[in-house]
Each structure stands twice: as structure tokens, then as C-alpha cells.
Amino acid sequence: MKQRRRQELKTNELSIYLQQVYEFLVRNSTYVVGGVVVVALIIIVATMNTRSQHRAKADAMNRIRAIQSGEAVQD
């Protein structure tokens, strides 16, 4: 009996919590969506920046190798 009552109380707490989360998201949906978009843009820009840096390092290493081997360097 006690165990069933405890389970009911836990279920009610979860239900109340989920309802509060839902109400928060409904009230602040614009901010939530805006925040998700901003985070996505930050991730995209960081990824593009990292790729660009790796590409620049690879190009520099290729130029160094070309210079060391005596080949003509093309810009």
C-alpha cells in the first residue's frame, strides 16, 4: 500500500514538473527558438573556422614541401 502511494506521488510530481516545463516553453518559445538558432550558428561558424585553419595549415605545409624539393611554388 505504501509503495503504491509513493509511486503515485512520484508520478504526480513528474506530471507537475512536465506541465511547468511545457508552460515555460509556451511562454518563452520565441526565446527558446532564438537560443537554439544562436547556438546552431555558433557551432556552424566554429566548424567552418576550424576547417579553414586546417586547410590553411595543409596549404602552408604543401608550399614548404614544394620549396624544399625545389619545385616552383604557385599562388
PDB file of N, CA and C in Angstrom:
ATOM      1  N   MET A   1       0.814  -1.182   0.000  1.00  0.00           N
ATOM      2  CA  MET A   1       0.000   0.000   0.000  1.00  0.00           C
ATOM      3  C   MET A   1       0.869   1.262   0.000  1.00  0.00           C
ATOM      4  N   LYS A   2       1.860   1.296   0.872  1.00  0.00           N
ATOM      5  CA  LYS A   2       2.724   2.468   0.959  1.00  0.00           C
ATOM      6  C   LYS A   2       3.511   2.647  -0.335  1.00  0.00           C
ATOM      7  N   GLN A   3       3.954   1.538  -0.895  1.00  0.00           N
ATOM      8  CA  GLN A   3       4.748   1.613  -2.110  1.00  0.00           C
ATOM      9  C   GLN A   3       3.911   2.178  -3.265  1.00  0.00           C
ATOM     10  N   ARG A   4       2.670   1.756  -3.363  1.00  0.00           N
ATOM     11  CA  ARG A   4       1.789   2.258  -4.409  1.00  0.00           C
ATOM     12  C   ARG A   4       1.539   3.758  -4.226  1.00  0.00           C
ATOM     13  N   ARG A   5       1.349   4.178  -3.009  1.00  0.00           N
ATOM     14  CA  ARG A   5       1.121   5.595  -2.714  1.00  0.00           C
ATOM     15  C   ARG A   5       2.358   6.428  -3.065  1.00  0.00           C
ATOM     16  N   ARG A   6       3.539   5.908  -2.739  1.00  0.00           N
ATOM     17  CA  ARG A   6       4.774   6.611  -3.087  1.00  0.00           C
ATOM     18  C   ARG A   6       4.910   6.747  -4.604  1.00  0.00           C
ATOM     19  N   GLN A   7       4.563   5.682  -5.306  1.00  0.00           N
ATOM     20  CA  GLN A   7       4.635   5.713  -6.764  1.00  0.00           C
ATOM     21  C   GLN A   7       3.664   6.748  -7.327  1.00  0.00           C
ATOM     22  N   GLU A   8       2.482   6.840  -6.775  1.00  0.00           N
ATOM     23  CA  GLU A   8       1.511   7.843  -7.208  1.00  0.00           C
ATOM     24  C   GLU A   8       2.045   9.251  -6.974  1.00  0.00           C
ATOM     25  N   LEU A   9       2.660   9.470  -5.827  1.00  0.00           N
ATOM     26  CA  LEU A   9       3.213  10.792  -5.525  1.00  0.00           C
ATOM     27  C   LEU A   9       4.334  11.153  -6.499  1.00  0.00           C
ATOM     28  N   LYS A  10       5.202  10.182  -6.797  1.00  0.00           N
ATOM     29  CA  LYS A  10       6.282  10.428  -7.752  1.00  0.00           C
ATOM     30  C   LYS A  10       5.710  10.737  -9.123  1.00  0.00           C
ATOM     31  N   THR A  11       4.688   9.998  -9.525  1.00  0.00           N
ATOM     32  CA  THR A  11       4.052  10.235 -10.816  1.00  0.00           C
ATOM     33  C   THR A  11       3.445  11.628 -10.858  1.00  0.00           C
ATOM     34  N   ASN A  12       2.793  12.032  -9.775  1.00  0.00           N
ATOM     35  CA  ASN A  12       2.205  13.368  -9.712  1.00  0.00           C
ATOM     36  C   ASN A  12       3.280  14.449  -9.785  1.00  0.00           C
ATOM     37  N   GLU A  13       4.401  14.242  -9.108  1.00  0.00           N
ATOM     38  CA  GLU A  13       5.493  15.213  -9.148  1.00  0.00           C
ATOM     39  C   GLU A  13       6.023  15.349 -10.567  1.00  0.00           C
ATOM     40  N   LEU A  14       6.201  14.223 -11.240  1.00  0.00           N
ATOM     41  CA  LEU A  14       6.686  14.254 -12.617  1.00  0.00           C
ATOM     42  C   LEU A  14       5.684  14.967 -13.517  1.00  0.00           C
ATOM     43  N   SER A  15       4.419  14.677 -13.327  1.00  0.00           N
ATOM     44  CA  SER A  15       3.373  15.320 -14.123  1.00  0.00           C
ATOM     45  C   SER A  15       3.381  16.830 -13.922  1.00  0.00           C
ATOM     46  N   ILE A  16       3.504  17.267 -12.690  1.00  0.00           N
ATOM     47  CA  ILE A  16       3.543  18.700 -12.387  1.00  0.00           C
ATOM     48  C   ILE A  16       4.780  19.338 -13.012  1.00  0.00           C
ATOM     49  N   TYR A  17       5.924  18.681 -12.883  1.00  0.00           N
ATOM     50  CA  TYR A  17       7.168  19.203 -13.446  1.00  0.00           C
ATOM     51  C   TYR A  17       7.063  19.339 -14.965  1.00  0.00           C
ATOM     52  N   LEU A  18       6.550  18.300 -15.630  1.00  0.00           N
ATOM     53  CA  LEU A  18       6.422  18.350 -17.083  1.00  0.00           C
ATOM     54  C   LEU A  18       5.449  19.441 -17.521  1.00  0.00           C
ATOM     55  N   GLN A  19       4.400  19.639 -16.759  1.00  0.00           N
ATOM     56  CA  GLN A  19       3.450  20.699 -17.074  1.00  0.00           C
ATOM     57  C   GLN A  19       4.111  22.065 -16.922  1.00  0.00           C
ATOM     58  N   GLN A  20       4.924  22.242 -15.900  1.00  0.00           N
ATOM     59  CA  GLN A  20       5.623  23.512 -15.704  1.00  0.00           C
ATOM     60  C   GLN A  20       6.615  23.768 -16.837  1.00  0.00           C
ATOM     61  N   VAL A  21       7.314  22.724 -17.254  1.00  0.00           N
ATOM     62  CA  VAL A  21       8.260  22.868 -18.361  1.00  0.00           C
ATOM     63  C   VAL A  21       7.512  23.261 -19.630  1.00  0.00           C
ATOM     64  N   TYR A  22       6.397  22.591 -19.885  1.00  0.00           N
ATOM     65  CA  TYR A  22       5.595  22.903 -21.067  1.00  0.00           C
ATOM     66  C   TYR A  22       5.114  24.354 -21.036  1.00  0.00           C
ATOM     67  N   GLU A  23       4.615  24.801 -19.908  1.00  0.00           N
ATOM     68  CA  GLU A  23       4.137  26.179 -19.786  1.00  0.00           C
ATOM     69  C   GLU A  23       5.274  27.177 -19.989  1.00  0.00           C
ATOM     70  N   PHE A  24       6.447  26.858 -19.454  1.00  0.00           N
ATOM     71  CA  PHE A  24       7.614  27.722 -19.649  1.00  0.00           C
ATOM     72  C   PHE A  24       7.956  27.822 -21.132  1.00  0.00           C
ATOM     73  N   LEU A  25       7.969  26.675 -21.821  1.00  0.00           N
ATOM     74  CA  LEU A  25       8.307  26.677 -23.241  1.00  0.00           C
ATOM     75  C   LEU A  25       7.270  27.429 -24.067  1.00  0.00           C
ATOM     76  N   VAL A  26       6.005  27.304 -23.707  1.00  0.00           N
ATOM     77  CA  VAL A  26       4.959  28.034 -24.427  1.00  0.00           C
ATOM     78  C   VAL A  26       5.125  29.536 -24.223  1.00  0.00           C
ATOM     79  N   ARG A  27       5.372  29.958 -22.985  1.00  0.00           N
ATOM     80  CA  ARG A  27       5.539  31.387 -22.684  1.00  0.00           C
ATOM     81  C   ARG A  27       6.771  31.973 -23.359  1.00  0.00           C
ATOM     82  N   ASN A  28       7.832  31.192 -23.415  1.00  0.00           N
ATOM     83  CA  ASN A  28       9.119  31.711 -23.890  1.00  0.00           C
ATOM     84  C   ASN A  28       9.576  31.049 -25.186  1.00  0.00           C
ATOM     85  N   SER A  29       8.644  30.631 -26.015  1.00  0.00           N
ATOM     86  CA  SER A  29       9.002  29.888 -27.227  1.00  0.00           C
ATOM     87  C   SER A  29       9.897  30.698 -28.157  1.00  0.00           C
ATOM     88  N   THR A  30       9.660  31.982 -28.268  1.00  0.00           N
ATOM     89  CA  THR A  30      10.484  32.820 -29.140  1.00  0.00           C
ATOM     90  C   THR A  30      11.931  32.832 -28.657  1.00  0.00           C
ATOM     91  N   TYR A  31      12.120  32.973 -27.365  1.00  0.00           N
ATOM     92  CA  TYR A  31      13.476  32.992 -26.820  1.00  0.00           C
ATOM     93  C   TYR A  31      14.148  31.625 -26.945  1.00  0.00           C
ATOM     94  N   VAL A  32      13.385  30.576 -26.740  1.00  0.00           N
ATOM     95  CA  VAL A  32      13.946  29.227 -26.840  1.00  0.00           C
ATOM     96  C   VAL A  32      14.396  28.957 -28.271  1.00  0.00           C
ATOM     97  N   VAL A  33      13.541  29.262 -29.238  1.00  0.00           N
ATOM     98  CA  VAL A  33      13.900  29.052 -30.644  1.00  0.00           C
ATOM     99  C   VAL A  33      15.080  29.944 -31.018  1.00  0.00           C
ATOM    100  N   GLY A  34      15.058  31.182 -30.579  1.00  0.00           N
ATOM    101  CA  GLY A  34      16.180  32.080 -30.854  1.00  0.00           C
ATOM    102  C   GLY A  34      17.481  31.568 -30.267  1.00  0.00           C
ATOM    103  N   GLY A  35      17.418  31.051 -29.054  1.00  0.00           N
ATOM    104  CA  GLY A  35      18.614  30.490 -28.422  1.00  0.00           C
ATOM    105  C   GLY A  35      19.150  29.289 -29.174  1.00  0.00           C
ATOM    106  N   VAL A  36      18.251  28.436 -29.632  1.00  0.00           N
ATOM    107  CA  VAL A  36      18.672  27.257 -30.403  1.00  0.00           C
ATOM    108  C   VAL A  36      19.328  27.690 -31.708  1.00  0.00           C
ATOM    109  N   VAL A  37      18.761  28.686 -32.366  1.00  0.00           N
ATOM    110  CA  VAL A  37      19.337  29.185 -33.618  1.00  0.00           C
ATOM    111  C   VAL A  37      20.717  29.787 -33.368  1.00  0.00           C
ATOM    112  N   VAL A  38      20.861  30.560 -32.315  1.00  0.00           N
ATOM    113  CA  VAL A  38      22.160  31.171 -31.998  1.00  0.00           C
ATOM    114  C   VAL A  38      23.208  30.098 -31.717  1.00  0.00           C
ATOM    115  N   VAL A  39      22.849  29.096 -30.938  1.00  0.00           N
ATOM    116  CA  VAL A  39      23.793  28.011 -30.634  1.00  0.00           C
ATOM    117  C   VAL A  39      24.173  27.274 -31.913  1.00  0.00           C
ATOM    118  N   ALA A  40      23.198  27.009 -32.782  1.00  0.00           N
ATOM    119  CA  ALA A  40      23.488  26.327 -34.043  1.00  0.00           C
ATOM    120  C   ALA A  40      24.433  27.159 -34.905  1.00  0.00           C
ATOM    121  N   LEU A  41      24.205  28.465 -34.969  1.00  0.00           N
ATOM    122  CA  LEU A  41      25.086  29.336 -35.751  1.00  0.00           C
ATOM    123  C   LEU A  41      26.502  29.356 -35.187  1.00  0.00           C
ATOM    124  N   ILE A  42      26.622  29.383 -33.877  1.00  0.00           N
ATOM    125  CA  ILE A  42      27.951  29.360 -33.256  1.00  0.00           C
ATOM    126  C   ILE A  42      28.680  28.072 -33.612  1.00  0.00           C
ATOM    127  N   ILE A  43      27.979  26.956 -33.566  1.00  0.00           N
ATOM    128  CA  ILE A  43      28.596  25.670 -33.910  1.00  0.00           C
ATOM    129  C   ILE A  43      29.017  25.653 -35.372  1.00  0.00           C
ATOM    130  N   ILE A  44      28.168  26.161 -36.258  1.00  0.00           N
ATOM    131  CA  ILE A  44      28.491  26.181 -37.688  1.00  0.00           C
ATOM    132  C   ILE A  44      29.702  27.064 -37.957  1.00  0.00           C
ATOM    133  N   VAL A  45      29.729  28.260 -37.377  1.00  0.00           N
ATOM    134  CA  VAL A  45      30.854  29.175 -37.592  1.00  0.00           C
ATOM    135  C   VAL A  45      32.145  28.586 -37.030  1.00  0.00           C
ATOM    136  N   ALA A  46      32.078  27.983 -35.861  1.00  0.00           N
ATOM    137  CA  ALA A  46      33.274  27.378 -35.265  1.00  0.00           C
ATOM    138  C   ALA A  46      33.794  26.238 -36.139  1.00  0.00           C
ATOM    139  N   THR A  47      32.889  25.427 -36.672  1.00  0.00           N
ATOM    140  CA  THR A  47      33.294  24.320 -37.541  1.00  0.00           C
ATOM    141  C   THR A  47      33.937  24.846 -38.817  1.00  0.00           C
ATOM    142  N   MET A  48      33.323  25.863 -39.414  1.00  0.00           N
ATOM    143  CA  MET A  48      33.889  26.432 -40.640  1.00  0.00           C
ATOM    144  C   MET A  48      35.253  27.051 -40.373  1.00  0.00           C
ATOM    145  N   ASN A  49      35.409  27.717 -39.239  1.00  0.00           N
ATOM    146  CA  ASN A  49      36.682  28.333 -38.883  1.00  0.00           C
ATOM    147  C   ASN A  49      37.764  27.268 -38.700  1.00  0.00           C
ATOM    148  N   THR A  50      37.417  26.195 -38.015  1.00  0.00           N
ATOM    149  CA  THR A  50      38.379  25.112 -37.791  1.00  0.00           C
ATOM    150  C   THR A  50      38.806  24.484 -39.108  1.00  0.00           C
ATOM    151  N   ARG A  51      37.843  24.235 -39.978  1.00  0.00           N
ATOM    152  CA  ARG A  51      38.175  23.652 -41.288  1.00  0.00           C
ATOM    153  C   ARG A  51      39.069  24.586 -42.088  1.00  0.00           C
ATOM    154  N   SER A  52      38.782  25.872 -42.033  1.00  0.00           N
ATOM    155  CA  SER A  52      39.587  26.850 -42.751  1.00  0.00           C
ATOM    156  C   SER A  52      41.021  26.867 -42.222  1.00  0.00           C
ATOM    157  N   GLN A  53      41.174  26.795 -40.912  1.00  0.00           N
ATOM    158  CA  GLN A  53      42.513  26.772 -40.323  1.00  0.00           C
ATOM    159  C   GLN A  53      43.274  25.519 -40.735  1.00  0.00           C
ATOM    160  N   HIS A  54      42.591  24.376 -40.732  1.00  0.00           N
ATOM    161  CA  HIS A  54      43.254  23.131 -41.139  1.00  0.00           C
ATOM    162  C   HIS A  54      43.663  23.200 -42.614  1.00  0.00           C
ATOM    163  N   ARG A  55      42.797  23.768 -43.445  1.00  0.00           N
ATOM    164  CA  ARG A  55      43.103  23.898 -44.868  1.00  0.00           C
ATOM    165  C   ARG A  55      44.300  24.820 -45.066  1.00  0.00           C
ATOM    166  N   ALA A  56      44.365  25.917 -44.324  1.00  0.00           N
ATOM    167  CA  ALA A  56      45.482  26.855 -44.435  1.00  0.00           C
ATOM    168  C   ALA A  56      46.789  26.194 -43.994  1.00  0.00           C
ATOM    169  N   LYS A  57      46.733  25.408 -42.922  1.00  0.00           N
ATOM    170  CA  LYS A  57      47.939  24.698 -42.468  1.00  0.00           C
ATOM    171  C   LYS A  57      48.401  23.692 -43.514  1.00  0.00           C
ATOM    172  N   ALA A  58      47.458  22.976 -44.116  1.00  0.00           N
ATOM    173  CA  ALA A  58      47.818  21.992 -45.140  1.00  0.00           C
ATOM    174  C   ALA A  58      48.430  22.687 -46.356  1.00  0.00           C
ATOM    175  N   ASP A  59      47.866  23.825 -46.768  1.00  0.00           N
ATOM    176  CA  ASP A  59      48.426  24.573 -47.890  1.00  0.00           C
ATOM    177  C   ASP A  59      49.835  25.063 -47.573  1.00  0.00           C
ATOM    178  N   ALA A  60      50.043  25.546 -46.364  1.00  0.00           N
ATOM    179  CA  ALA A  60      51.371  26.022 -45.966  1.00  0.00           C
ATOM    180  C   ALA A  60      52.378  24.879 -45.976  1.00  0.00           C
ATOM    181  N   MET A  61      51.978  23.727 -45.472  1.00  0.00           N
ATOM    182  CA  MET A  61      52.889  22.571 -45.474  1.00  0.00           C
ATOM    183  C   MET A  61      53.208  22.133 -46.903  1.00  0.00           C
ATOM    184  N   ASN A  62      52.225  22.176 -47.779  1.00  0.00           N
ATOM    185  CA  ASN A  62      52.474  21.821 -49.183  1.00  0.00           C
ATOM    186  C   ASN A  62      53.440  22.802 -49.828  1.00  0.00           C
ATOM    187  N   ARG A  63      53.317  24.076 -49.512  1.00  0.00           N
ATOM    188  CA  ARG A  63      54.245  25.069 -50.051  1.00  0.00           C
ATOM    189  C   ARG A  63      55.658  24.846 -49.515  1.00  0.00           C
ATOM    190  N   ILE A  64      55.757  24.545 -48.225  1.00  0.00           N
ATOM    191  CA  ILE A  64      57.080  24.285 -47.633  1.00  0.00           C
ATOM    192  C   ILE A  64      57.728  23.082 -48.300  1.00  0.00           C
ATOM    193  N   ARG A  65      56.956  22.022 -48.485  1.00  0.00           N
ATOM    194  CA  ARG A  65      57.496  20.823 -49.148  1.00  0.00           C
ATOM    195  C   ARG A  65      57.928  21.131 -50.579  1.00  0.00           C
ATOM    196  N   ALA A  66      57.126  21.939 -51.279  1.00  0.00           N
ATOM    197  CA  ALA A  66      57.469  22.293 -52.655  1.00  0.00           C
ATOM    198  C   ALA A  66      58.752  23.111 -52.695  1.00  0.00           C
ATOM    199  N   ILE A  67      58.897  24.043 -51.775  1.00  0.00           N
ATOM    200  CA  ILE A  67      60.109  24.864 -51.725  1.00  0.00           C
ATOM    201  C   ILE A  67      61.313  23.992 -51.398  1.00  0.00           C
ATOM    202  N   GLN A  68      61.161  23.075 -50.445  1.00  0.00           N
ATOM    203  CA  GLN A  68      62.270  22.215 -50.046  1.00  0.00           C
ATOM    204  C   GLN A  68      62.674  21.261 -51.168  1.00  0.00           C
ATOM    205  N   SER A  69      61.737  20.856 -51.985  1.00  0.00           N
ATOM    206  CA  SER A  69      62.067  19.926 -53.068  1.00  0.00           C
ATOM    207  C   SER A  69      62.509  20.667 -54.325  1.00  0.00           C
ATOM    208  N   GLY A  70      62.432  21.988 -54.329  1.00  0.00           N
ATOM    209  CA  GLY A  70      62.899  22.780 -55.459  1.00  0.00           C
ATOM    210  C   GLY A  70      61.847  22.994 -56.531  1.00  0.00           C
ATOM    211  N   GLU A  71      60.628  22.628 -56.276  1.00  0.00           N
ATOM    212  CA  GLU A  71      59.564  22.832 -57.260  1.00  0.00           C
ATOM    213  C   GLU A  71      59.130  24.295 -57.244  1.00  0.00           C
ATOM    214  N   ALA A  72      58.532  24.716 -58.355  1.00  0.00           N
ATOM    215  CA  ALA A  72      58.016  26.085 -58.435  1.00  0.00           C
ATOM    216  C   ALA A  72      56.755  26.181 -57.578  1.00  0.00           C
ATOM    217  N   VAL A  73      56.669  27.254 -56.816  1.00  0.00           N
ATOM    218  CA  VAL A  73      55.513  27.457 -55.942  1.00  0.00           C
ATOM    219  C   VAL A  73      54.486  28.290 -56.690  1.00  0.00           C
ATOM    220  N   GLN A  74      53.248  27.793 -56.727  1.00  0.00           N
ATOM    221  CA  GLN A  74      52.164  28.522 -57.387  1.00  0.00           C
ATOM    222  C   GLN A  74      51.259  29.148 -56.339  1.00  0.00           C
ATOM    223  N   ASP A  75      50.868  30.384 -56.565  1.00  0.00           N
ATOM    224  CA  ASP A  75      49.960  31.062 -55.634  1.00  0.00           C
ATOM    225  C   ASP A  75      48.537  30.879 -56.046  1.00  0.00           C
TER     226      ASP A  75
END
